[in-house]
Full PDB file with SEQRES, HELIX, SHEET, SSBOND, CRYST1, ORIGX, SCALE, CONECT and MASTER records, all heavy atoms in Angstrom:
SEQRES   1 A   31  GLY LYS GLN LEU PHE MET ALA PHE SER ALA ASP PRO ALA          
SEQRES   2 A   31  VAL HIS ALA MET SER GLY GLU PHE ILE ALA ALA ILE LEU          
SEQRES   3 A   31  TRP MET PHE PRO ALA                                          
HELIX    1 AA1 LYS A    2  PHE A    8  1                                   7    
HELIX    2 AA2 PRO A   12  ILE A   25  1                                  14    
HELIX    3 AA3 LEU A   26  MET A   28  5                                   3    
CRYST1    1.000    1.000    1.000  90.00  90.00  90.00 P 1           1          
ORIGX1      1.000000  0.000000  0.000000        0.00000                         
ORIGX2      0.000000  1.000000  0.000000        0.00000                         
ORIGX3      0.000000  0.000000  1.000000        0.00000                         
SCALE1      1.000000  0.000000  0.000000        0.00000                         
SCALE2      0.000000  1.000000  0.000000        0.00000                         
SCALE3      0.000000  0.000000  1.000000        0.00000                         
ATOM      1  N   GLY A   1      -5.352   1.414   4.277  1.00  0.00           N  
ATOM      2  CA  GLY A   1      -4.255   0.861   3.572  1.00  0.00           C  
ATOM      3  C   GLY A   1      -2.890   1.428   3.834  1.00  0.00           C  
ATOM      4  O   GLY A   1      -1.993   0.657   4.219  1.00  0.00           O  
ATOM      5  N   LYS A   2      -2.756   2.756   4.119  1.00  0.00           N  
ATOM      6  CA  LYS A   2      -1.502   3.405   4.293  1.00  0.00           C  
ATOM      7  C   LYS A   2      -1.096   2.933   5.751  1.00  0.00           C  
ATOM      8  O   LYS A   2       0.160   2.629   6.037  1.00  0.00           O  
ATOM      9  CB  LYS A   2      -1.610   4.749   4.252  1.00  0.00           C  
ATOM     10  CG  LYS A   2      -0.182   5.495   4.320  1.00  0.00           C  
ATOM     11  CD  LYS A   2      -0.338   7.063   4.046  1.00  0.00           C  
ATOM     12  CE  LYS A   2       1.070   7.623   4.249  1.00  0.00           C  
ATOM     13  NZ  LYS A   2       0.966   9.138   3.917  1.00  0.00           N  
ATOM     14  N   GLN A   3      -2.093   2.834   6.685  1.00  0.00           N  
ATOM     15  CA  GLN A   3      -1.698   2.395   8.043  1.00  0.00           C  
ATOM     16  C   GLN A   3      -1.151   1.068   8.107  1.00  0.00           C  
ATOM     17  O   GLN A   3      -0.282   0.701   8.921  1.00  0.00           O  
ATOM     18  CB  GLN A   3      -2.934   2.593   8.851  1.00  0.00           C  
ATOM     19  CG  GLN A   3      -3.272   4.047   9.314  1.00  0.00           C  
ATOM     20  CD  GLN A   3      -4.056   4.756   8.094  1.00  0.00           C  
ATOM     21  OE1 GLN A   3      -4.258   4.148   7.119  1.00  0.00           O  
ATOM     22  NE2 GLN A   3      -4.367   6.037   8.278  1.00  0.00           N  
ATOM     23  N   LEU A   4      -1.613   0.281   7.251  1.00  0.00           N  
ATOM     24  CA  LEU A   4      -1.195  -1.249   7.108  1.00  0.00           C  
ATOM     25  C   LEU A   4       0.262  -1.352   6.773  1.00  0.00           C  
ATOM     26  O   LEU A   4       1.090  -1.948   7.316  1.00  0.00           O  
ATOM     27  CB  LEU A   4      -2.049  -2.043   6.218  1.00  0.00           C  
ATOM     28  CG  LEU A   4      -3.495  -2.304   6.578  1.00  0.00           C  
ATOM     29  CD1 LEU A   4      -4.254  -2.907   5.522  1.00  0.00           C  
ATOM     30  CD2 LEU A   4      -3.585  -3.101   7.840  1.00  0.00           C  
ATOM     31  N   PHE A   5       0.628  -0.315   5.751  1.00  0.00           N  
ATOM     32  CA  PHE A   5       2.034  -0.314   5.383  1.00  0.00           C  
ATOM     33  C   PHE A   5       2.900   0.195   6.496  1.00  0.00           C  
ATOM     34  O   PHE A   5       4.032  -0.083   6.620  1.00  0.00           O  
ATOM     35  CB  PHE A   5       2.090   0.556   4.097  1.00  0.00           C  
ATOM     36  CG  PHE A   5       1.799  -0.331   2.844  1.00  0.00           C  
ATOM     37  CD1 PHE A   5       0.501  -0.533   2.413  1.00  0.00           C  
ATOM     38  CD2 PHE A   5       2.938  -0.689   2.009  1.00  0.00           C  
ATOM     39  CE1 PHE A   5       0.269  -1.237   1.249  1.00  0.00           C  
ATOM     40  CE2 PHE A   5       2.672  -1.445   0.901  1.00  0.00           C  
ATOM     41  CZ  PHE A   5       1.308  -1.572   0.406  1.00  0.00           C  
ATOM     42  N   MET A   6       2.290   1.122   7.169  1.00  0.00           N  
ATOM     43  CA  MET A   6       3.201   1.762   8.211  1.00  0.00           C  
ATOM     44  C   MET A   6       3.605   0.782   9.407  1.00  0.00           C  
ATOM     45  O   MET A   6       4.514   1.049  10.120  1.00  0.00           O  
ATOM     46  CB  MET A   6       2.394   3.049   8.806  1.00  0.00           C  
ATOM     47  CG  MET A   6       2.286   4.089   7.831  1.00  0.00           C  
ATOM     48  SD  MET A   6       1.168   5.450   8.407  1.00  0.00           S  
ATOM     49  CE  MET A   6       2.084   6.078   9.768  1.00  0.00           C  
ATOM     50  N   ALA A   7       2.723  -0.248   9.511  1.00  0.00           N  
ATOM     51  CA  ALA A   7       2.830  -1.211  10.548  1.00  0.00           C  
ATOM     52  C   ALA A   7       4.212  -2.009  10.219  1.00  0.00           C  
ATOM     53  O   ALA A   7       4.723  -2.673  11.192  1.00  0.00           O  
ATOM     54  CB  ALA A   7       1.680  -2.107  10.704  1.00  0.00           C  
ATOM     55  N   PHE A   8       4.480  -2.117   9.062  1.00  0.00           N  
ATOM     56  CA  PHE A   8       5.700  -2.944   8.540  1.00  0.00           C  
ATOM     57  C   PHE A   8       6.944  -2.106   8.490  1.00  0.00           C  
ATOM     58  O   PHE A   8       8.037  -2.636   8.553  1.00  0.00           O  
ATOM     59  CB  PHE A   8       5.375  -3.520   7.135  1.00  0.00           C  
ATOM     60  CG  PHE A   8       4.524  -4.614   7.143  1.00  0.00           C  
ATOM     61  CD1 PHE A   8       3.124  -4.420   7.208  1.00  0.00           C  
ATOM     62  CD2 PHE A   8       4.879  -6.032   7.155  1.00  0.00           C  
ATOM     63  CE1 PHE A   8       2.216  -5.563   7.220  1.00  0.00           C  
ATOM     64  CE2 PHE A   8       4.033  -7.035   7.241  1.00  0.00           C  
ATOM     65  CZ  PHE A   8       2.712  -6.880   7.141  1.00  0.00           C  
ATOM     66  N   SER A   9       6.794  -0.753   8.151  1.00  0.00           N  
ATOM     67  CA  SER A   9       8.079  -0.130   7.824  1.00  0.00           C  
ATOM     68  C   SER A   9       7.839   1.436   8.376  1.00  0.00           C  
ATOM     69  O   SER A   9       6.787   1.944   8.361  1.00  0.00           O  
ATOM     70  CB  SER A   9       8.254   0.012   6.311  1.00  0.00           C  
ATOM     71  OG  SER A   9       9.303   0.800   5.988  1.00  0.00           O  
ATOM     72  N   ALA A  10       8.998   1.994   8.765  1.00  0.00           N  
ATOM     73  CA  ALA A  10       8.949   3.363   9.190  1.00  0.00           C  
ATOM     74  C   ALA A  10       9.566   4.194   8.084  1.00  0.00           C  
ATOM     75  O   ALA A  10       9.626   5.545   8.430  1.00  0.00           O  
ATOM     76  CB  ALA A  10       9.871   3.512  10.518  1.00  0.00           C  
ATOM     77  N   ASP A  11       9.851   3.782   6.830  1.00  0.00           N  
ATOM     78  CA  ASP A  11      10.421   4.418   5.891  1.00  0.00           C  
ATOM     79  C   ASP A  11       9.350   5.316   5.111  1.00  0.00           C  
ATOM     80  O   ASP A  11       8.385   4.724   4.674  1.00  0.00           O  
ATOM     81  CB  ASP A  11      11.017   3.426   4.844  1.00  0.00           C  
ATOM     82  CG  ASP A  11      11.871   4.264   3.847  1.00  0.00           C  
ATOM     83  OD1 ASP A  11      11.689   5.326   3.707  1.00  0.00           O  
ATOM     84  OD2 ASP A  11      12.752   3.526   3.209  1.00  0.00           O  
ATOM     85  N   PRO A  12       9.450   6.618   5.167  1.00  0.00           N  
ATOM     86  CA  PRO A  12       8.452   7.491   4.509  1.00  0.00           C  
ATOM     87  C   PRO A  12       8.317   7.174   3.018  1.00  0.00           C  
ATOM     88  O   PRO A  12       7.277   7.355   2.416  1.00  0.00           O  
ATOM     89  CB  PRO A  12       9.013   8.877   4.686  1.00  0.00           C  
ATOM     90  CG  PRO A  12       9.858   8.846   6.027  1.00  0.00           C  
ATOM     91  CD  PRO A  12      10.481   7.424   5.876  1.00  0.00           C  
ATOM     92  N   ALA A  13       9.382   6.734   2.418  1.00  0.00           N  
ATOM     93  CA  ALA A  13       9.288   6.434   0.943  1.00  0.00           C  
ATOM     94  C   ALA A  13       8.458   5.210   0.734  1.00  0.00           C  
ATOM     95  O   ALA A  13       7.698   5.188  -0.241  1.00  0.00           O  
ATOM     96  CB  ALA A  13      10.775   6.146   0.330  1.00  0.00           C  
ATOM     97  N   VAL A  14       8.452   4.291   1.559  1.00  0.00           N  
ATOM     98  CA  VAL A  14       7.614   3.118   1.487  1.00  0.00           C  
ATOM     99  C   VAL A  14       6.148   3.606   1.661  1.00  0.00           C  
ATOM    100  O   VAL A  14       5.158   3.044   0.889  1.00  0.00           O  
ATOM    101  CB  VAL A  14       7.922   2.100   2.445  1.00  0.00           C  
ATOM    102  CG1 VAL A  14       6.917   0.799   2.373  1.00  0.00           C  
ATOM    103  CG2 VAL A  14       9.260   1.476   2.060  1.00  0.00           C  
ATOM    104  N   HIS A  15       5.948   4.425   2.670  1.00  0.00           N  
ATOM    105  CA  HIS A  15       4.548   4.874   2.813  1.00  0.00           C  
ATOM    106  C   HIS A  15       4.058   5.690   1.644  1.00  0.00           C  
ATOM    107  O   HIS A  15       2.789   5.577   1.324  1.00  0.00           O  
ATOM    108  CB  HIS A  15       4.442   5.813   4.085  1.00  0.00           C  
ATOM    109  CG  HIS A  15       4.985   5.315   5.332  1.00  0.00           C  
ATOM    110  ND1 HIS A  15       5.436   5.998   6.462  1.00  0.00           N  
ATOM    111  CD2 HIS A  15       5.215   3.946   5.544  1.00  0.00           C  
ATOM    112  CE1 HIS A  15       5.850   5.094   7.381  1.00  0.00           C  
ATOM    113  NE2 HIS A  15       5.736   3.849   6.919  1.00  0.00           N  
ATOM    114  N   ALA A  16       4.872   6.431   1.036  1.00  0.00           N  
ATOM    115  CA  ALA A  16       4.509   7.342  -0.178  1.00  0.00           C  
ATOM    116  C   ALA A  16       4.060   6.399  -1.376  1.00  0.00           C  
ATOM    117  O   ALA A  16       3.180   6.688  -2.119  1.00  0.00           O  
ATOM    118  CB  ALA A  16       5.643   8.189  -0.562  1.00  0.00           C  
ATOM    119  N   MET A  17       4.776   5.317  -1.499  1.00  0.00           N  
ATOM    120  CA  MET A  17       4.556   4.448  -2.656  1.00  0.00           C  
ATOM    121  C   MET A  17       3.339   3.447  -2.491  1.00  0.00           C  
ATOM    122  O   MET A  17       2.854   2.779  -3.318  1.00  0.00           O  
ATOM    123  CB  MET A  17       5.810   3.582  -2.937  1.00  0.00           C  
ATOM    124  CG  MET A  17       6.991   4.379  -3.479  1.00  0.00           C  
ATOM    125  SD  MET A  17       8.271   3.262  -4.167  1.00  0.00           S  
ATOM    126  CE  MET A  17       7.517   2.883  -5.673  1.00  0.00           C  
ATOM    127  N   SER A  18       2.902   3.301  -1.197  1.00  0.00           N  
ATOM    128  CA  SER A  18       1.892   2.419  -0.869  1.00  0.00           C  
ATOM    129  C   SER A  18       0.520   2.622  -1.683  1.00  0.00           C  
ATOM    130  O   SER A  18      -0.132   1.662  -1.937  1.00  0.00           O  
ATOM    131  CB  SER A  18       1.631   2.427   0.648  1.00  0.00           C  
ATOM    132  OG  SER A  18       1.057   3.589   1.142  1.00  0.00           O  
ATOM    133  N   GLY A  19       0.281   3.889  -1.857  1.00  0.00           N  
ATOM    134  CA  GLY A  19      -0.966   4.293  -2.619  1.00  0.00           C  
ATOM    135  C   GLY A  19      -1.070   3.694  -3.943  1.00  0.00           C  
ATOM    136  O   GLY A  19      -2.057   3.281  -4.438  1.00  0.00           O  
ATOM    137  N   GLU A  20       0.099   3.655  -4.674  1.00  0.00           N  
ATOM    138  CA  GLU A  20       0.177   3.073  -5.943  1.00  0.00           C  
ATOM    139  C   GLU A  20      -0.104   1.592  -5.948  1.00  0.00           C  
ATOM    140  O   GLU A  20      -0.843   1.134  -6.870  1.00  0.00           O  
ATOM    141  CB  GLU A  20       1.591   3.253  -6.674  1.00  0.00           C  
ATOM    142  CG  GLU A  20       1.864   4.710  -7.107  1.00  0.00           C  
ATOM    143  CD  GLU A  20       3.202   4.713  -7.876  1.00  0.00           C  
ATOM    144  OE1 GLU A  20       3.286   4.387  -8.949  1.00  0.00           O  
ATOM    145  OE2 GLU A  20       4.171   5.328  -7.245  1.00  0.00           O  
ATOM    146  N   PHE A  21       0.416   0.891  -4.913  1.00  0.00           N  
ATOM    147  CA  PHE A  21       0.266  -0.510  -4.793  1.00  0.00           C  
ATOM    148  C   PHE A  21      -1.168  -0.818  -4.501  1.00  0.00           C  
ATOM    149  O   PHE A  21      -1.745  -1.668  -5.086  1.00  0.00           O  
ATOM    150  CB  PHE A  21       1.114  -1.113  -3.691  1.00  0.00           C  
ATOM    151  CG  PHE A  21       1.136  -2.555  -3.491  1.00  0.00           C  
ATOM    152  CD1 PHE A  21       1.871  -3.469  -4.149  1.00  0.00           C  
ATOM    153  CD2 PHE A  21      -0.020  -3.168  -2.729  1.00  0.00           C  
ATOM    154  CE1 PHE A  21       1.752  -4.878  -3.997  1.00  0.00           C  
ATOM    155  CE2 PHE A  21      -0.259  -4.526  -2.642  1.00  0.00           C  
ATOM    156  CZ  PHE A  21       0.703  -5.373  -3.216  1.00  0.00           C  
ATOM    157  N   ILE A  22      -1.822  -0.155  -3.781  1.00  0.00           N  
ATOM    158  CA  ILE A  22      -3.232  -0.312  -3.327  1.00  0.00           C  
ATOM    159  C   ILE A  22      -4.160  -0.151  -4.541  1.00  0.00           C  
ATOM    160  O   ILE A  22      -5.061  -0.928  -4.837  1.00  0.00           O  
ATOM    161  CB  ILE A  22      -3.573   0.595  -2.074  1.00  0.00           C  
ATOM    162  CG1 ILE A  22      -2.836   0.107  -0.845  1.00  0.00           C  
ATOM    163  CG2 ILE A  22      -5.148   0.476  -1.956  1.00  0.00           C  
ATOM    164  CD1 ILE A  22      -2.934   0.970   0.218  1.00  0.00           C  
ATOM    165  N   ALA A  23      -3.856   0.916  -5.253  1.00  0.00           N  
ATOM    166  CA  ALA A  23      -4.722   1.242  -6.353  1.00  0.00           C  
ATOM    167  C   ALA A  23      -4.620   0.283  -7.427  1.00  0.00           C  
ATOM    168  O   ALA A  23      -5.637  -0.038  -8.152  1.00  0.00           O  
ATOM    169  CB  ALA A  23      -4.361   2.597  -7.020  1.00  0.00           C  
ATOM    170  N   ALA A  24      -3.519  -0.452  -7.613  1.00  0.00           N  
ATOM    171  CA  ALA A  24      -3.296  -1.410  -8.593  1.00  0.00           C  
ATOM    172  C   ALA A  24      -3.925  -2.766  -8.237  1.00  0.00           C  
ATOM    173  O   ALA A  24      -4.568  -3.553  -8.884  1.00  0.00           O  
ATOM    174  CB  ALA A  24      -1.777  -1.563  -9.046  1.00  0.00           C  
ATOM    175  N   ILE A  25      -3.541  -3.281  -6.947  1.00  0.00           N  
ATOM    176  CA  ILE A  25      -3.918  -4.509  -6.444  1.00  0.00           C  
ATOM    177  C   ILE A  25      -5.415  -4.727  -6.247  1.00  0.00           C  
ATOM    178  O   ILE A  25      -5.898  -5.896  -6.240  1.00  0.00           O  
ATOM    179  CB  ILE A  25      -3.213  -4.857  -5.175  1.00  0.00           C  
ATOM    180  CG1 ILE A  25      -2.904  -6.492  -4.920  1.00  0.00           C  
ATOM    181  CG2 ILE A  25      -3.924  -4.279  -3.933  1.00  0.00           C  
ATOM    182  CD1 ILE A  25      -2.011  -7.046  -6.058  1.00  0.00           C  
ATOM    183  N   LEU A  26      -6.124  -3.644  -6.025  1.00  0.00           N  
ATOM    184  CA  LEU A  26      -7.577  -3.834  -5.794  1.00  0.00           C  
ATOM    185  C   LEU A  26      -8.217  -4.470  -7.005  1.00  0.00           C  
ATOM    186  O   LEU A  26      -9.314  -4.999  -6.773  1.00  0.00           O  
ATOM    187  CB  LEU A  26      -8.140  -2.406  -5.470  1.00  0.00           C  
ATOM    188  CG  LEU A  26      -7.888  -1.915  -4.001  1.00  0.00           C  
ATOM    189  CD1 LEU A  26      -8.550  -0.481  -3.962  1.00  0.00           C  
ATOM    190  CD2 LEU A  26      -8.579  -2.821  -3.077  1.00  0.00           C  
ATOM    191  N   TRP A  27      -7.774  -4.382  -8.281  1.00  0.00           N  
ATOM    192  CA  TRP A  27      -8.347  -4.845  -9.495  1.00  0.00           C  
ATOM    193  C   TRP A  27      -8.431  -6.369  -9.313  1.00  0.00           C  
ATOM    194  O   TRP A  27      -9.213  -7.071 -10.016  1.00  0.00           O  
ATOM    195  CB  TRP A  27      -7.719  -4.478 -10.629  1.00  0.00           C  
ATOM    196  CG  TRP A  27      -7.891  -2.950 -11.003  1.00  0.00           C  
ATOM    197  CD1 TRP A  27      -7.136  -1.829 -10.683  1.00  0.00           C  
ATOM    198  CD2 TRP A  27      -9.068  -2.348 -11.638  1.00  0.00           C  
ATOM    199  NE1 TRP A  27      -7.538  -0.811 -11.069  1.00  0.00           N  
ATOM    200  CE2 TRP A  27      -8.740  -1.030 -11.640  1.00  0.00           C  
ATOM    201  CE3 TRP A  27     -10.142  -2.980 -12.127  1.00  0.00           C  
ATOM    202  CZ2 TRP A  27      -9.694  -0.107 -12.268  1.00  0.00           C  
ATOM    203  CZ3 TRP A  27     -11.113  -2.050 -12.670  1.00  0.00           C  
ATOM    204  CH2 TRP A  27     -10.796  -0.645 -12.839  1.00  0.00           C  
ATOM    205  N   MET A  28      -7.491  -7.063  -8.442  1.00  0.00           N  
ATOM    206  CA  MET A  28      -7.511  -8.501  -8.409  1.00  0.00           C  
ATOM    207  C   MET A  28      -8.569  -9.012  -7.553  1.00  0.00           C  
ATOM    208  O   MET A  28      -8.887 -10.310  -7.690  1.00  0.00           O  
ATOM    209  CB  MET A  28      -6.083  -8.821  -7.865  1.00  0.00           C  
ATOM    210  CG  MET A  28      -5.915 -10.330  -7.605  1.00  0.00           C  
ATOM    211  SD  MET A  28      -4.119 -10.750  -7.092  1.00  0.00           S  
ATOM    212  CE  MET A  28      -4.301 -10.012  -5.373  1.00  0.00           C  
ATOM    213  N   PHE A  29      -9.170  -8.318  -6.604  1.00  0.00           N  
ATOM    214  CA  PHE A  29     -10.013  -8.925  -5.704  1.00  0.00           C  
ATOM    215  C   PHE A  29     -11.360  -9.595  -6.163  1.00  0.00           C  
ATOM    216  O   PHE A  29     -11.572 -10.679  -5.684  1.00  0.00           O  
ATOM    217  CB  PHE A  29     -10.415  -7.843  -4.618  1.00  0.00           C  
ATOM    218  CG  PHE A  29      -9.330  -7.660  -3.504  1.00  0.00           C  
ATOM    219  CD1 PHE A  29      -8.037  -7.420  -3.967  1.00  0.00           C  
ATOM    220  CD2 PHE A  29      -9.585  -7.687  -2.297  1.00  0.00           C  
ATOM    221  CE1 PHE A  29      -6.957  -7.094  -2.958  1.00  0.00           C  
ATOM    222  CE2 PHE A  29      -8.637  -7.436  -1.259  1.00  0.00           C  
ATOM    223  CZ  PHE A  29      -7.259  -7.163  -1.610  1.00  0.00           C  
ATOM    224  N   PRO A  30     -11.970  -9.035  -7.167  1.00  0.00           N  
ATOM    225  CA  PRO A  30     -13.106  -9.722  -7.675  1.00  0.00           C  
ATOM    226  C   PRO A  30     -12.796 -11.123  -8.278  1.00  0.00           C  
ATOM    227  O   PRO A  30     -13.558 -12.005  -8.143  1.00  0.00           O  
ATOM    228  CB  PRO A  30     -13.729  -8.771  -8.765  1.00  0.00           C  
ATOM    229  CG  PRO A  30     -13.249  -7.407  -8.256  1.00  0.00           C  
ATOM    230  CD  PRO A  30     -11.890  -7.595  -7.729  1.00  0.00           C  
ATOM    231  N   ALA A  31     -11.673 -11.208  -8.886  1.00  0.00           N  
ATOM    232  CA  ALA A  31     -11.179 -12.521  -9.504  1.00  0.00           C  
ATOM    233  C   ALA A  31     -10.925 -13.512  -8.417  1.00  0.00           C  
ATOM    234  O   ALA A  31     -11.277 -14.635  -8.614  1.00  0.00           O  
ATOM    235  CB  ALA A  31      -9.985 -12.247 -10.402  1.00  0.00           C  
TER     236      ALA A  31                                                      
MASTER        0    0    0    3    0    0    0    6  235    1    0    3          
END                                                                             
């Protein structure tokens, strides 16, 4: 997941926040 975000942006702040996004969005996948 983090590596995917790093492909889009070199901003460390974006990399740091990526974990929150991933943890939340995974709940959507079964639906």
